[in-house]
């Protein structure tokens, strides 16, 4: 019985904090839609996140087979209660960087005080990868304005819920810095 009261106090703190955005309590957001987006990764990403395809067109993001495989691996690690730390030997044009960006973006949007970090091998690659999350953020539908983050002075995307997304270069002194 005491445990139930603790949970409701936590939920109440979440609800009343001015610095936290809970998608389920946003006045302009349909609660069922927010819950579905929070709980169903693919249901959120496919209608809401966009990418630039190889012809330069802005199109909805759809996971390919390799990306789905990485996502399933991430889910397996999480289900074991372990932190996800992946080192992916990069194959060209498979979309692993994009998949990791999408997973991190979703977690930052829907989880309080979550920090996502992607480390690239070269500065040019880090800049290209950073554009993925910037594009996701810039194209959040008008009906979901609270899901948009803002770029801070360091170039990170930060959200009102305390989450942040950063892309660094492996040689950067800040790449493995904890916030």
Foldseek 3Di string as FASTA:
>chain_A
DVVVVVVVVVVVCQVPDPLADAQLPDPLHDNVLSVCVLVPLCVVQQVQAWDQDPVRDTDGDDQDPVLVVVVVVCVVCVVVVHDDDDDDDDDPPNCNLVSLLSVLLSCQLRPAQAEAEAEAADPVVLVVSLVRNVRSLVRGDPSPVQSHFDQDPVRWTHHSRNYIYHYYYPPDPCRPPDD
